[in-house]
Structures are given as structure tokens and as C-alpha cells.
Amino acid sequence: MTNGNHKDLVSAKEISKKFGVTYPTLNHYTNLGFFNVVSKRGNKRFYQAGEVREKLALISKLKDDGYPLRLIRKKLIG
């Protein structure tokens, strides 16, 4: 970890448990560019907890409003 503040980082497994997002869904969202991998250790990826929380809430709202992932991606990353 480059910033030394690892308490704000969360693993993919922790995200699945905390936020109820399946591991394959998280991988798909990561591949679409919704989340940035901040650090890797072995085969584990770590994300900024705050960013994940905020973006998952927005993704959920937009999906509920009927937006497809293609348009959600446009809104999140331009």
C-alpha cells in the first residue's frame, strides 16, 4: 500500500459480505471501470472503502431507476 493508511482499504471478499454484492458482480464492475483497485497482495485486490460505498449506492439507485450498466458507466466515469 502506497499511502500507508490501510484501514480504509477493503478486499473484494469483504465487499461481498458487507455490501451484499456477489464476487462475480464486483469483478464485472471492476472490469467496467466502476472501481479502482488501490492495492494488490498476491491474488487479493483492495479498494477504497468510501469509494465503494458511494459508488455502490449510486449504481443501485441508477439500476432501480432503469439505467443499463452502459449508461451507468457513462455517468460514473464519463
PDB file of N, CA and C in Angstrom:
ATOM      1  N   MET A   1       0.826  -1.177   0.000  1.00  0.00           N
ATOM      2  CA  MET A   1       0.000   0.000   0.000  1.00  0.00           C
ATOM      3  C   MET A   1       0.870   1.239   0.000  1.00  0.00           C
ATOM      4  N   THR A   2       0.561   2.089  -0.882  1.00  0.00           N
ATOM      5  CA  THR A   2       1.431   3.235  -1.051  1.00  0.00           C
ATOM      6  C   THR A   2       1.155   4.342  -0.047  1.00  0.00           C
ATOM      7  N   ASN A   3      -0.099   4.485   0.415  1.00  0.00           N
ATOM      8  CA  ASN A   3      -0.390   5.597   1.301  1.00  0.00           C
ATOM      9  C   ASN A   3      -0.210   5.262   2.776  1.00  0.00           C
ATOM     10  N   GLY A   4      -0.003   3.999   3.104  1.00  0.00           N
ATOM     11  CA  GLY A   4       0.227   3.614   4.481  1.00  0.00           C
ATOM     12  C   GLY A   4      -1.034   3.604   5.334  1.00  0.00           C
ATOM     13  N   ASN A   5      -2.150   4.008   4.788  1.00  0.00           N
ATOM     14  CA  ASN A   5      -3.400   4.069   5.535  1.00  0.00           C
ATOM     15  C   ASN A   5      -4.288   2.918   5.090  1.00  0.00           C
ATOM     16  N   HIS A   6      -3.948   1.707   5.531  1.00  0.00           N
ATOM     17  CA  HIS A   6      -4.641   0.530   5.034  1.00  0.00           C
ATOM     18  C   HIS A   6      -5.961   0.257   5.734  1.00  0.00           C
ATOM     19  N   LYS A   7      -6.305   1.031   6.766  1.00  0.00           N
ATOM     20  CA  LYS A   7      -7.573   0.785   7.451  1.00  0.00           C
ATOM     21  C   LYS A   7      -8.769   1.175   6.577  1.00  0.00           C
ATOM     22  N   ASP A   8      -8.546   2.025   5.579  1.00  0.00           N
ATOM     23  CA  ASP A   8      -9.612   2.441   4.681  1.00  0.00           C
ATOM     24  C   ASP A   8      -9.773   1.504   3.489  1.00  0.00           C
ATOM     25  N   LEU A   9      -8.924   0.485   3.408  1.00  0.00           N
ATOM     26  CA  LEU A   9      -8.993  -0.440   2.286  1.00  0.00           C
ATOM     27  C   LEU A   9      -9.841  -1.649   2.644  1.00  0.00           C
ATOM     28  N   VAL A  10     -10.531  -2.150   1.641  1.00  0.00           N
ATOM     29  CA  VAL A  10     -11.398  -3.299   1.834  1.00  0.00           C
ATOM     30  C   VAL A  10     -11.149  -4.283   0.687  1.00  0.00           C
ATOM     31  N   SER A  11     -11.143  -5.569   1.016  1.00  0.00           N
ATOM     32  CA  SER A  11     -10.904  -6.584  -0.006  1.00  0.00           C
ATOM     33  C   SER A  11     -12.203  -6.908  -0.738  1.00  0.00           C
ATOM     34  N   ALA A  12     -12.073  -7.570  -1.857  1.00  0.00           N
ATOM     35  CA  ALA A  12     -13.240  -7.966  -2.635  1.00  0.00           C
ATOM     36  C   ALA A  12     -14.151  -8.871  -1.807  1.00  0.00           C
ATOM     37  N   LYS A  13     -13.559  -9.760  -1.052  1.00  0.00           N
ATOM     38  CA  LYS A  13     -14.345 -10.668  -0.201  1.00  0.00           C
ATOM     39  C   LYS A  13     -15.126  -9.892   0.861  1.00  0.00           C
ATOM     40  N   GLU A  14     -14.484  -8.898   1.456  1.00  0.00           N
ATOM     41  CA  GLU A  14     -15.154  -8.069   2.464  1.00  0.00           C
ATOM     42  C   GLU A  14     -16.295  -7.260   1.851  1.00  0.00           C
ATOM     43  N   ILE A  15     -16.093  -6.775   0.636  1.00  0.00           N
ATOM     44  CA  ILE A  15     -17.144  -6.027  -0.056  1.00  0.00           C
ATOM     45  C   ILE A  15     -18.366  -6.924  -0.262  1.00  0.00           C
ATOM     46  N   SER A  16     -18.113  -8.155  -0.683  1.00  0.00           N
ATOM     47  CA  SER A  16     -19.210  -9.097  -0.892  1.00  0.00           C
ATOM     48  C   SER A  16     -20.021  -9.291   0.381  1.00  0.00           C
ATOM     49  N   LYS A  17     -19.327  -9.433   1.493  1.00  0.00           N
ATOM     50  CA  LYS A  17     -20.010  -9.651   2.774  1.00  0.00           C
ATOM     51  C   LYS A  17     -20.709  -8.393   3.276  1.00  0.00           C
ATOM     52  N   LYS A  18     -20.012  -7.266   3.255  1.00  0.00           N
ATOM     53  CA  LYS A  18     -20.545  -6.013   3.821  1.00  0.00           C
ATOM     54  C   LYS A  18     -21.687  -5.418   3.018  1.00  0.00           C
ATOM     55  N   PHE A  19     -21.561  -5.487   1.694  1.00  0.00           N
ATOM     56  CA  PHE A  19     -22.492  -4.775   0.836  1.00  0.00           C
ATOM     57  C   PHE A  19     -23.439  -5.680   0.060  1.00  0.00           C
ATOM     58  N   GLY A  20     -23.319  -6.984   0.239  1.00  0.00           N
ATOM     59  CA  GLY A  20     -24.232  -7.911  -0.424  1.00  0.00           C
ATOM     60  C   GLY A  20     -24.082  -7.981  -1.928  1.00  0.00           C
ATOM     61  N   VAL A  21     -22.890  -7.703  -2.399  1.00  0.00           N
ATOM     62  CA  VAL A  21     -22.600  -7.777  -3.838  1.00  0.00           C
ATOM     63  C   VAL A  21     -21.831  -9.069  -4.070  1.00  0.00           C
ATOM     64  N   THR A  22     -22.264  -9.842  -5.050  1.00  0.00           N
ATOM     65  CA  THR A  22     -21.562 -11.096  -5.297  1.00  0.00           C
ATOM     66  C   THR A  22     -20.163 -10.821  -5.846  1.00  0.00           C
ATOM     67  N   TYR A  23     -19.281 -11.770  -5.619  1.00  0.00           N
ATOM     68  CA  TYR A  23     -17.908 -11.636  -6.088  1.00  0.00           C
ATOM     69  C   TYR A  23     -17.853 -11.470  -7.617  1.00  0.00           C
ATOM     70  N   PRO A  24     -18.618 -12.276  -8.395  1.00  0.00           N
ATOM     71  CA  PRO A  24     -18.607 -12.071  -9.854  1.00  0.00           C
ATOM     72  C   PRO A  24     -19.121 -10.686 -10.266  1.00  0.00           C
ATOM     73  N   THR A  25     -20.112 -10.167  -9.551  1.00  0.00           N
ATOM     74  CA  THR A  25     -20.620  -8.828  -9.863  1.00  0.00           C
ATOM     75  C   THR A  25     -19.559  -7.782  -9.604  1.00  0.00           C
ATOM     76  N   LEU A  26     -18.865  -7.899  -8.479  1.00  0.00           N
ATOM     77  CA  LEU A  26     -17.781  -6.966  -8.169  1.00  0.00           C
ATOM     78  C   LEU A  26     -16.691  -7.027  -9.238  1.00  0.00           C
ATOM     79  N   ASN A  27     -16.336  -8.216  -9.663  1.00  0.00           N
ATOM     80  CA  ASN A  27     -15.339  -8.364 -10.729  1.00  0.00           C
ATOM     81  C   ASN A  27     -15.821  -7.683 -12.007  1.00  0.00           C
ATOM     82  N   HIS A  28     -17.082  -7.871 -12.333  1.00  0.00           N
ATOM     83  CA  HIS A  28     -17.644  -7.251 -13.537  1.00  0.00           C
ATOM     84  C   HIS A  28     -17.594  -5.730 -13.426  1.00  0.00           C
ATOM     85  N   TYR A  29     -18.003  -5.193 -12.277  1.00  0.00           N
ATOM     86  CA  TYR A  29     -17.970  -3.747 -12.066  1.00  0.00           C
ATOM     87  C   TYR A  29     -16.534  -3.222 -12.136  1.00  0.00           C
ATOM     88  N   THR A  30     -15.596  -3.975 -11.602  1.00  0.00           N
ATOM     89  CA  THR A  30     -14.183  -3.567 -11.660  1.00  0.00           C
ATOM     90  C   THR A  30     -13.714  -3.548 -13.111  1.00  0.00           C
ATOM     91  N   ASN A  31     -14.081  -4.574 -13.869  1.00  0.00           N
ATOM     92  CA  ASN A  31     -13.690  -4.638 -15.278  1.00  0.00           C
ATOM     93  C   ASN A  31     -14.316  -3.517 -16.100  1.00  0.00           C
ATOM     94  N   LEU A  32     -15.506  -3.070 -15.702  1.00  0.00           N
ATOM     95  CA  LEU A  32     -16.159  -1.950 -16.393  1.00  0.00           C
ATOM     96  C   LEU A  32     -15.550  -0.603 -16.006  1.00  0.00           C
ATOM     97  N   GLY A  33     -14.707  -0.597 -14.974  1.00  0.00           N
ATOM     98  CA  GLY A  33     -14.055   0.631 -14.551  1.00  0.00           C
ATOM     99  C   GLY A  33     -14.786   1.382 -13.453  1.00  0.00           C
ATOM    100  N   PHE A  34     -15.803   0.756 -12.836  1.00  0.00           N
ATOM    101  CA  PHE A  34     -16.552   1.407 -11.762  1.00  0.00           C
ATOM    102  C   PHE A  34     -15.695   1.613 -10.515  1.00  0.00           C
ATOM    103  N   PHE A  35     -14.796   0.675 -10.249  1.00  0.00           N
ATOM    104  CA  PHE A  35     -13.948   0.727  -9.052  1.00  0.00           C
ATOM    105  C   PHE A  35     -12.483   0.653  -9.433  1.00  0.00           C
ATOM    106  N   ASN A  36     -11.660   1.363  -8.670  1.00  0.00           N
ATOM    107  CA  ASN A  36     -10.214   1.309  -8.862  1.00  0.00           C
ATOM    108  C   ASN A  36      -9.609   0.371  -7.834  1.00  0.00           C
ATOM    109  N   VAL A  37      -8.767  -0.531  -8.301  1.00  0.00           N
ATOM    110  CA  VAL A  37      -8.005  -1.384  -7.392  1.00  0.00           C
ATOM    111  C   VAL A  37      -6.849  -0.544  -6.865  1.00  0.00           C
ATOM    112  N   VAL A  38      -6.819  -0.343  -5.553  1.00  0.00           N
ATOM    113  CA  VAL A  38      -5.816   0.524  -4.936  1.00  0.00           C
ATOM    114  C   VAL A  38      -4.537  -0.244  -4.649  1.00  0.00           C
ATOM    115  N   SER A  39      -4.688  -1.509  -4.271  1.00  0.00           N
ATOM    116  CA  SER A  39      -3.536  -2.305  -3.889  1.00  0.00           C
ATOM    117  C   SER A  39      -3.808  -3.769  -4.194  1.00  0.00           C
ATOM    118  N   LYS A  40      -2.746  -4.499  -4.457  1.00  0.00           N
ATOM    119  CA  LYS A  40      -2.849  -5.949  -4.657  1.00  0.00           C
ATOM    120  C   LYS A  40      -1.828  -6.635  -3.770  1.00  0.00           C
ATOM    121  N   ARG A  41      -2.271  -7.711  -3.146  1.00  0.00           N
ATOM    122  CA  ARG A  41      -1.355  -8.569  -2.386  1.00  0.00           C
ATOM    123  C   ARG A  41      -1.633  -9.995  -2.796  1.00  0.00           C
ATOM    124  N   GLY A  42      -0.711 -10.601  -3.507  1.00  0.00           N
ATOM    125  CA  GLY A  42      -0.955 -11.934  -4.043  1.00  0.00           C
ATOM    126  C   GLY A  42      -2.099 -11.848  -5.045  1.00  0.00           C
ATOM    127  N   ASN A  43      -3.125 -12.677  -4.818  1.00  0.00           N
ATOM    128  CA  ASN A  43      -4.285 -12.626  -5.712  1.00  0.00           C
ATOM    129  C   ASN A  43      -5.444 -11.842  -5.109  1.00  0.00           C
ATOM    130  N   LYS A  44      -5.181 -11.086  -4.046  1.00  0.00           N
ATOM    131  CA  LYS A  44      -6.217 -10.273  -3.404  1.00  0.00           C
ATOM    132  C   LYS A  44      -6.122  -8.832  -3.874  1.00  0.00           C
ATOM    133  N   ARG A  45      -7.295  -8.263  -4.166  1.00  0.00           N
ATOM    134  CA  ARG A  45      -7.369  -6.862  -4.578  1.00  0.00           C
ATOM    135  C   ARG A  45      -8.016  -6.055  -3.456  1.00  0.00           C
ATOM    136  N   PHE A  46      -7.551  -4.828  -3.294  1.00  0.00           N
ATOM    137  CA  PHE A  46      -8.093  -3.958  -2.251  1.00  0.00           C
ATOM    138  C   PHE A  46      -8.587  -2.661  -2.874  1.00  0.00           C
ATOM    139  N   TYR A  47      -9.702  -2.183  -2.330  1.00  0.00           N
ATOM    140  CA  TYR A  47     -10.383  -0.998  -2.833  1.00  0.00           C
ATOM    141  C   TYR A  47     -10.544   0.006  -1.702  1.00  0.00           C
ATOM    142  N   GLN A  48     -10.744   1.284  -2.040  1.00  0.00           N
ATOM    143  CA  GLN A  48     -11.060   2.320  -1.046  1.00  0.00           C
ATOM    144  C   GLN A  48     -12.487   2.089  -0.569  1.00  0.00           C
ATOM    145  N   ALA A  49     -12.658   1.899   0.721  1.00  0.00           N
ATOM    146  CA  ALA A  49     -13.977   1.591   1.286  1.00  0.00           C
ATOM    147  C   ALA A  49     -15.002   2.690   0.991  1.00  0.00           C
ATOM    148  N   GLY A  50     -14.620   3.939   1.150  1.00  0.00           N
ATOM    149  CA  GLY A  50     -15.538   5.049   0.915  1.00  0.00           C
ATOM    150  C   GLY A  50     -16.006   5.120  -0.529  1.00  0.00           C
ATOM    151  N   GLU A  51     -15.076   4.929  -1.446  1.00  0.00           N
ATOM    152  CA  GLU A  51     -15.420   4.955  -2.866  1.00  0.00           C
ATOM    153  C   GLU A  51     -16.399   3.830  -3.197  1.00  0.00           C
ATOM    154  N   VAL A  52     -16.134   2.647  -2.668  1.00  0.00           N
ATOM    155  CA  VAL A  52     -17.006   1.500  -2.923  1.00  0.00           C
ATOM    156  C   VAL A  52     -18.407   1.771  -2.383  1.00  0.00           C
ATOM    157  N   ARG A  53     -18.486   2.264  -1.169  1.00  0.00           N
ATOM    158  CA  ARG A  53     -19.782   2.542  -0.534  1.00  0.00           C
ATOM    159  C   ARG A  53     -20.593   3.544  -1.374  1.00  0.00           C
ATOM    160  N   GLU A  54     -19.953   4.648  -1.742  1.00  0.00           N
ATOM    161  CA  GLU A  54     -20.631   5.692  -2.512  1.00  0.00           C
ATOM    162  C   GLU A  54     -21.063   5.207  -3.892  1.00  0.00           C
ATOM    163  N   LYS A  55     -20.160   4.532  -4.583  1.00  0.00           N
ATOM    164  CA  LYS A  55     -20.478   4.100  -5.943  1.00  0.00           C
ATOM    165  C   LYS A  55     -21.519   2.987  -5.959  1.00  0.00           C
ATOM    166  N   LEU A  56     -21.454   2.067  -4.989  1.00  0.00           N
ATOM    167  CA  LEU A  56     -22.467   1.008  -4.949  1.00  0.00           C
ATOM    168  C   LEU A  56     -23.851   1.595  -4.699  1.00  0.00           C
ATOM    169  N   ALA A  57     -23.929   2.618  -3.847  1.00  0.00           N
ATOM    170  CA  ALA A  57     -25.218   3.273  -3.591  1.00  0.00           C
ATOM    171  C   ALA A  57     -25.738   3.928  -4.872  1.00  0.00           C
ATOM    172  N   LEU A  58     -24.857   4.603  -5.602  1.00  0.00           N
ATOM    173  CA  LEU A  58     -25.261   5.257  -6.848  1.00  0.00           C
ATOM    174  C   LEU A  58     -25.647   4.230  -7.909  1.00  0.00           C
ATOM    175  N   ILE A  59     -24.861   3.178  -8.036  1.00  0.00           N
ATOM    176  CA  ILE A  59     -25.162   2.122  -9.012  1.00  0.00           C
ATOM    177  C   ILE A  59     -26.523   1.509  -8.703  1.00  0.00           C
ATOM    178  N   SER A  60     -26.787   1.232  -7.448  1.00  0.00           N
ATOM    179  CA  SER A  60     -28.054   0.641  -7.036  1.00  0.00           C
ATOM    180  C   SER A  60     -29.231   1.557  -7.384  1.00  0.00           C
ATOM    181  N   LYS A  61     -29.074   2.843  -7.093  1.00  0.00           N
ATOM    182  CA  LYS A  61     -30.135   3.812  -7.395  1.00  0.00           C
ATOM    183  C   LYS A  61     -30.385   3.887  -8.895  1.00  0.00           C
ATOM    184  N   LEU A  62     -29.316   3.979  -9.668  1.00  0.00           N
ATOM    185  CA  LEU A  62     -29.467   4.089 -11.118  1.00  0.00           C
ATOM    186  C   LEU A  62     -30.075   2.822 -11.722  1.00  0.00           C
ATOM    187  N   LYS A  63     -29.676   1.665 -11.203  1.00  0.00           N
ATOM    188  CA  LYS A  63     -30.276   0.413 -11.678  1.00  0.00           C
ATOM    189  C   LYS A  63     -31.758   0.375 -11.347  1.00  0.00           C
ATOM    190  N   ASP A  64     -32.113   0.816 -10.135  1.00  0.00           N
ATOM    191  CA  ASP A  64     -33.525   0.869  -9.736  1.00  0.00           C
ATOM    192  C   ASP A  64     -34.322   1.820 -10.622  1.00  0.00           C
ATOM    193  N   ASP A  65     -33.665   2.875 -11.098  1.00  0.00           N
ATOM    194  CA  ASP A  65     -34.313   3.840 -11.989  1.00  0.00           C
ATOM    195  C   ASP A  65     -34.384   3.350 -13.439  1.00  0.00           C
ATOM    196  N   GLY A  66     -33.814   2.161 -13.691  1.00  0.00           N
ATOM    197  CA  GLY A  66     -33.916   1.562 -15.018  1.00  0.00           C
ATOM    198  C   GLY A  66     -32.733   1.778 -15.939  1.00  0.00           C
ATOM    199  N   TYR A  67     -31.659   2.367 -15.436  1.00  0.00           N
ATOM    200  CA  TYR A  67     -30.488   2.600 -16.280  1.00  0.00           C
ATOM    201  C   TYR A  67     -29.745   1.290 -16.537  1.00  0.00           C
ATOM    202  N   PRO A  68     -29.327   1.040 -17.777  1.00  0.00           N
ATOM    203  CA  PRO A  68     -28.466  -0.122 -18.053  1.00  0.00           C
ATOM    204  C   PRO A  68     -27.023   0.198 -17.625  1.00  0.00           C
ATOM    205  N   LEU A  69     -26.228  -0.843 -17.447  1.00  0.00           N
ATOM    206  CA  LEU A  69     -24.843  -0.655 -16.999  1.00  0.00           C
ATOM    207  C   LEU A  69     -24.045   0.244 -17.942  1.00  0.00           C
ATOM    208  N   ARG A  70     -24.351   0.185 -19.216  1.00  0.00           N
ATOM    209  CA  ARG A  70     -23.635   1.023 -20.198  1.00  0.00           C
ATOM    210  C   ARG A  70     -23.790   2.508 -19.854  1.00  0.00           C
ATOM    211  N   LEU A  71     -25.015   2.926 -19.508  1.00  0.00           N
ATOM    212  CA  LEU A  71     -25.244   4.330 -19.167  1.00  0.00           C
ATOM    213  C   LEU A  71     -24.750   4.657 -17.756  1.00  0.00           C
ATOM    214  N   ILE A  72     -24.824   3.681 -16.860  1.00  0.00           N
ATOM    215  CA  ILE A  72     -24.277   3.886 -15.516  1.00  0.00           C
ATOM    216  C   ILE A  72     -22.779   4.139 -15.613  1.00  0.00           C
ATOM    217  N   ARG A  73     -22.123   3.364 -16.458  1.00  0.00           N
ATOM    218  CA  ARG A  73     -20.679   3.541 -16.659  1.00  0.00           C
ATOM    219  C   ARG A  73     -20.379   4.947 -17.149  1.00  0.00           C
ATOM    220  N   LYS A  74     -21.200   5.423 -18.099  1.00  0.00           N
ATOM    221  CA  LYS A  74     -21.009   6.778 -18.628  1.00  0.00           C
ATOM    222  C   LYS A  74     -21.147   7.830 -17.534  1.00  0.00           C
ATOM    223  N   LYS A  75     -22.110   7.649 -16.648  1.00  0.00           N
ATOM    224  CA  LYS A  75     -22.321   8.599 -15.559  1.00  0.00           C
ATOM    225  C   LYS A  75     -21.186   8.562 -14.541  1.00  0.00           C
ATOM    226  N   LEU A  76     -20.655   7.363 -14.277  1.00  0.00           N
ATOM    227  CA  LEU A  76     -19.603   7.219 -13.269  1.00  0.00           C
ATOM    228  C   LEU A  76     -18.231   7.667 -13.759  1.00  0.00           C
ATOM    229  N   ILE A  77     -17.913   7.318 -14.985  1.00  0.00           N
ATOM    230  CA  ILE A  77     -16.548   7.597 -15.438  1.00  0.00           C
ATOM    231  C   ILE A  77     -16.482   8.489 -16.672  1.00  0.00           C
ATOM    232  N   GLY A  78     -17.616   8.948 -17.124  1.00  0.00           N
ATOM    233  CA  GLY A  78     -17.666   9.912 -18.225  1.00  0.00           C
ATOM    234  C   GLY A  78     -17.452   9.391 -19.556  1.00  0.00           C
TER     235      GLY A  78
END
